[in-house]
């Protein structure tokens, strides 16, 4: 018996370089917030929000983002 199709949420992965020189790869951002006139800029806002949530749980200050780029992009 075939399964019913489910709503898929597509994600775009980003590599993030922080001001202290550290890097995190494959940070997930929902594809629906990207594109349009702002391009990938909404990804920075989403990743900053993720970082704030992580920092709150770990009780460490969030790191400043130096740059972001799509994973696999050169």
N, C-alpha and C. Protein backbone atom coordinates (compact mmCIF):
# COMPACT_ATOMS: atom_id res chain seq x y z
N UNK A 1 0.84 -1.17 0.00
CA UNK A 1 0.00 0.00 0.00
C UNK A 1 0.89 1.24 0.00
N UNK A 2 0.56 2.18 -0.84
CA UNK A 2 1.35 3.40 -0.96
C UNK A 2 1.10 4.32 0.23
N UNK A 3 2.15 5.01 0.62
CA UNK A 3 2.02 5.97 1.72
C UNK A 3 1.48 7.28 1.19
N UNK A 4 0.77 7.99 2.07
CA UNK A 4 0.29 9.31 1.70
C UNK A 4 1.47 10.28 1.67
N UNK A 5 1.48 11.16 0.68
CA UNK A 5 2.57 12.16 0.67
C UNK A 5 2.42 13.11 1.85
N UNK A 6 3.53 13.44 2.44
CA UNK A 6 3.52 14.38 3.56
C UNK A 6 4.15 15.69 3.12
N UNK A 7 3.79 16.72 3.83
CA UNK A 7 4.37 18.03 3.53
C UNK A 7 5.85 17.99 3.90
N UNK A 8 6.68 18.32 2.96
CA UNK A 8 8.13 18.35 3.22
C UNK A 8 8.56 19.78 3.41
N UNK A 9 9.38 19.97 4.39
CA UNK A 9 9.96 21.30 4.51
C UNK A 9 11.40 21.18 4.04
N UNK A 10 11.73 21.97 3.09
CA UNK A 10 13.06 21.95 2.50
C UNK A 10 13.97 22.88 3.30
N UNK A 11 15.21 22.49 3.41
CA UNK A 11 16.19 23.28 4.12
C UNK A 11 17.39 23.57 3.23
N UNK A 12 18.04 24.69 3.52
CA UNK A 12 19.30 25.06 2.87
C UNK A 12 20.34 25.06 3.97
N UNK A 13 21.51 24.54 3.67
CA UNK A 13 22.57 24.44 4.66
C UNK A 13 23.60 25.55 4.43
N UNK A 14 24.08 26.10 5.55
CA UNK A 14 25.05 27.19 5.50
C UNK A 14 26.25 26.87 6.36
N UNK A 15 27.41 27.37 5.92
CA UNK A 15 28.63 27.34 6.73
C UNK A 15 28.76 28.72 7.36
N UNK A 16 29.02 28.75 8.65
CA UNK A 16 29.09 30.01 9.38
C UNK A 16 30.49 30.18 9.96
N UNK A 17 31.10 31.34 9.74
CA UNK A 17 32.38 31.68 10.34
C UNK A 17 32.11 32.77 11.37
N UNK A 18 32.60 32.54 12.59
CA UNK A 18 32.37 33.47 13.68
C UNK A 18 33.55 34.41 13.84
N UNK A 19 33.34 35.49 14.58
CA UNK A 19 34.37 36.52 14.77
C UNK A 19 35.62 35.98 15.45
N UNK A 20 35.49 34.92 16.25
CA UNK A 20 36.67 34.35 16.92
C UNK A 20 37.42 33.37 16.02
N UNK A 21 36.98 33.21 14.76
CA UNK A 21 37.66 32.34 13.81
C UNK A 21 37.11 30.93 13.74
N UNK A 22 36.21 30.57 14.65
CA UNK A 22 35.64 29.22 14.62
C UNK A 22 34.63 29.12 13.48
N UNK A 23 34.35 27.89 13.08
CA UNK A 23 33.43 27.65 11.98
C UNK A 23 32.46 26.54 12.33
N UNK A 24 31.22 26.69 11.93
CA UNK A 24 30.21 25.64 12.07
C UNK A 24 29.67 25.37 10.68
N UNK A 25 29.58 24.11 10.33
CA UNK A 25 29.12 23.74 9.00
C UNK A 25 27.71 23.16 9.06
N UNK A 26 27.03 23.26 7.93
CA UNK A 26 25.72 22.65 7.72
C UNK A 26 24.67 23.12 8.71
N UNK A 27 24.61 24.42 8.93
CA UNK A 27 23.53 24.99 9.76
C UNK A 27 22.27 25.03 8.91
N UNK A 28 21.16 24.47 9.39
CA UNK A 28 19.93 24.36 8.64
C UNK A 28 19.10 25.63 8.75
N UNK A 29 18.62 26.08 7.57
CA UNK A 29 17.73 27.24 7.48
C UNK A 29 16.58 26.86 6.56
N UNK A 30 15.33 27.11 6.95
CA UNK A 30 14.20 26.79 6.07
C UNK A 30 14.30 27.54 4.74
N UNK A 31 14.12 26.82 3.65
CA UNK A 31 14.25 27.41 2.31
C UNK A 31 13.19 28.48 2.05
N UNK A 32 12.04 28.36 2.70
CA UNK A 32 10.95 29.30 2.42
C UNK A 32 11.25 30.73 2.85
N UNK A 33 12.22 30.93 3.74
CA UNK A 33 12.54 32.31 4.16
C UNK A 33 13.60 32.94 3.28
N UNK A 34 14.19 32.17 2.38
CA UNK A 34 15.26 32.67 1.52
C UNK A 34 14.72 33.10 0.17
N UNK A 35 15.55 33.81 -0.57
CA UNK A 35 15.19 34.24 -1.90
C UNK A 35 14.59 35.63 -1.88
N UNK A 36 13.94 35.98 -2.96
CA UNK A 36 13.34 37.31 -3.05
C UNK A 36 14.41 38.37 -3.15
N UNK A 37 14.06 39.58 -2.77
CA UNK A 37 14.98 40.70 -2.87
C UNK A 37 16.10 40.63 -1.86
N UNK A 38 15.86 39.97 -0.72
CA UNK A 38 16.87 39.89 0.33
C UNK A 38 17.89 38.79 0.12
N UNK A 39 17.66 37.89 -0.83
CA UNK A 39 18.60 36.80 -1.09
C UNK A 39 18.79 35.92 0.13
N UNK A 40 20.03 35.74 0.55
CA UNK A 40 20.34 34.88 1.69
C UNK A 40 20.44 35.64 3.01
N UNK A 41 20.17 36.93 3.01
CA UNK A 41 20.27 37.72 4.25
C UNK A 41 19.35 37.22 5.37
N UNK A 42 18.13 36.75 5.08
CA UNK A 42 17.31 36.20 6.16
C UNK A 42 17.95 34.99 6.86
N UNK A 43 18.88 34.31 6.19
CA UNK A 43 19.57 33.18 6.81
C UNK A 43 20.40 33.66 7.99
N UNK A 44 21.02 34.80 7.87
CA UNK A 44 21.82 35.36 8.97
C UNK A 44 20.92 35.59 10.20
N UNK A 45 19.75 36.16 9.98
CA UNK A 45 18.81 36.42 11.08
C UNK A 45 18.38 35.12 11.73
N UNK A 46 18.08 34.11 10.94
CA UNK A 46 17.65 32.81 11.46
C UNK A 46 18.78 32.14 12.24
N UNK A 47 19.99 32.18 11.72
CA UNK A 47 21.13 31.56 12.40
C UNK A 47 21.44 32.30 13.70
N UNK A 48 21.33 33.63 13.69
CA UNK A 48 21.54 34.39 14.93
C UNK A 48 20.50 34.00 15.98
N UNK A 49 19.25 33.78 15.56
CA UNK A 49 18.21 33.35 16.50
C UNK A 49 18.53 31.96 17.06
N UNK A 50 19.01 31.06 16.19
CA UNK A 50 19.41 29.73 16.65
C UNK A 50 20.56 29.84 17.65
N UNK A 51 21.53 30.70 17.35
CA UNK A 51 22.68 30.88 18.25
C UNK A 51 22.26 31.44 19.61
N UNK A 52 21.30 32.38 19.61
CA UNK A 52 20.81 32.92 20.88
C UNK A 52 20.14 31.83 21.72
N UNK A 53 19.36 30.95 21.07
CA UNK A 53 18.70 29.87 21.80
C UNK A 53 19.73 28.89 22.37
N UNK A 54 20.76 28.59 21.59
CA UNK A 54 21.82 27.69 22.06
C UNK A 54 22.58 28.34 23.21
N UNK A 55 22.89 29.64 23.08
CA UNK A 55 23.63 30.35 24.12
C UNK A 55 22.83 30.42 25.42
N UNK A 56 21.53 30.60 25.30
CA UNK A 56 20.68 30.65 26.49
C UNK A 56 20.71 29.32 27.24
N UNK A 57 20.66 28.22 26.49
CA UNK A 57 20.68 26.90 27.12
C UNK A 57 22.03 26.56 27.72
N UNK A 58 23.10 27.01 27.06
CA UNK A 58 24.44 26.69 27.54
C UNK A 58 24.98 27.73 28.53
N UNK A 59 24.24 28.82 28.68
CA UNK A 59 24.63 29.91 29.58
C UNK A 59 25.97 30.55 29.20
N UNK A 60 26.24 30.55 27.91
CA UNK A 60 27.43 31.22 27.36
C UNK A 60 26.96 32.32 26.42
N UNK A 61 27.73 33.39 26.28
CA UNK A 61 27.32 34.45 25.36
C UNK A 61 27.40 33.97 23.91
N UNK A 62 26.46 34.41 23.07
CA UNK A 62 26.52 34.00 21.65
C UNK A 62 27.72 34.66 20.96
N UNK A 63 28.26 33.96 19.98
CA UNK A 63 29.38 34.49 19.21
C UNK A 63 28.85 35.37 18.08
N UNK A 64 29.62 36.40 17.72
CA UNK A 64 29.25 37.25 16.60
C UNK A 64 29.57 36.55 15.28
N UNK A 65 28.69 36.69 14.31
CA UNK A 65 28.89 36.06 13.00
C UNK A 65 29.71 36.98 12.12
N UNK A 66 30.78 36.44 11.57
CA UNK A 66 31.64 37.18 10.66
C UNK A 66 31.12 37.04 9.22
N UNK A 67 30.82 35.79 8.81
CA UNK A 67 30.32 35.58 7.46
C UNK A 67 29.53 34.28 7.39
N UNK A 68 28.62 34.22 6.41
CA UNK A 68 27.90 32.99 6.13
C UNK A 68 27.95 32.74 4.63
N UNK A 69 27.90 31.47 4.26
CA UNK A 69 27.79 31.11 2.85
C UNK A 69 27.13 29.76 2.76
N UNK A 70 26.50 29.50 1.65
CA UNK A 70 25.84 28.21 1.47
C UNK A 70 26.88 27.10 1.48
N UNK A 71 26.54 26.01 2.13
CA UNK A 71 27.45 24.87 2.17
C UNK A 71 27.65 24.35 0.76
N UNK A 72 28.88 24.01 0.45
CA UNK A 72 29.21 23.53 -0.88
C UNK A 72 29.52 24.62 -1.88
N UNK A 73 29.24 25.88 -1.55
CA UNK A 73 29.54 27.01 -2.44
C UNK A 73 31.02 27.37 -2.31
N UNK A 74 31.61 27.79 -3.41
CA UNK A 74 33.02 28.17 -3.37
C UNK A 74 33.19 29.66 -3.44
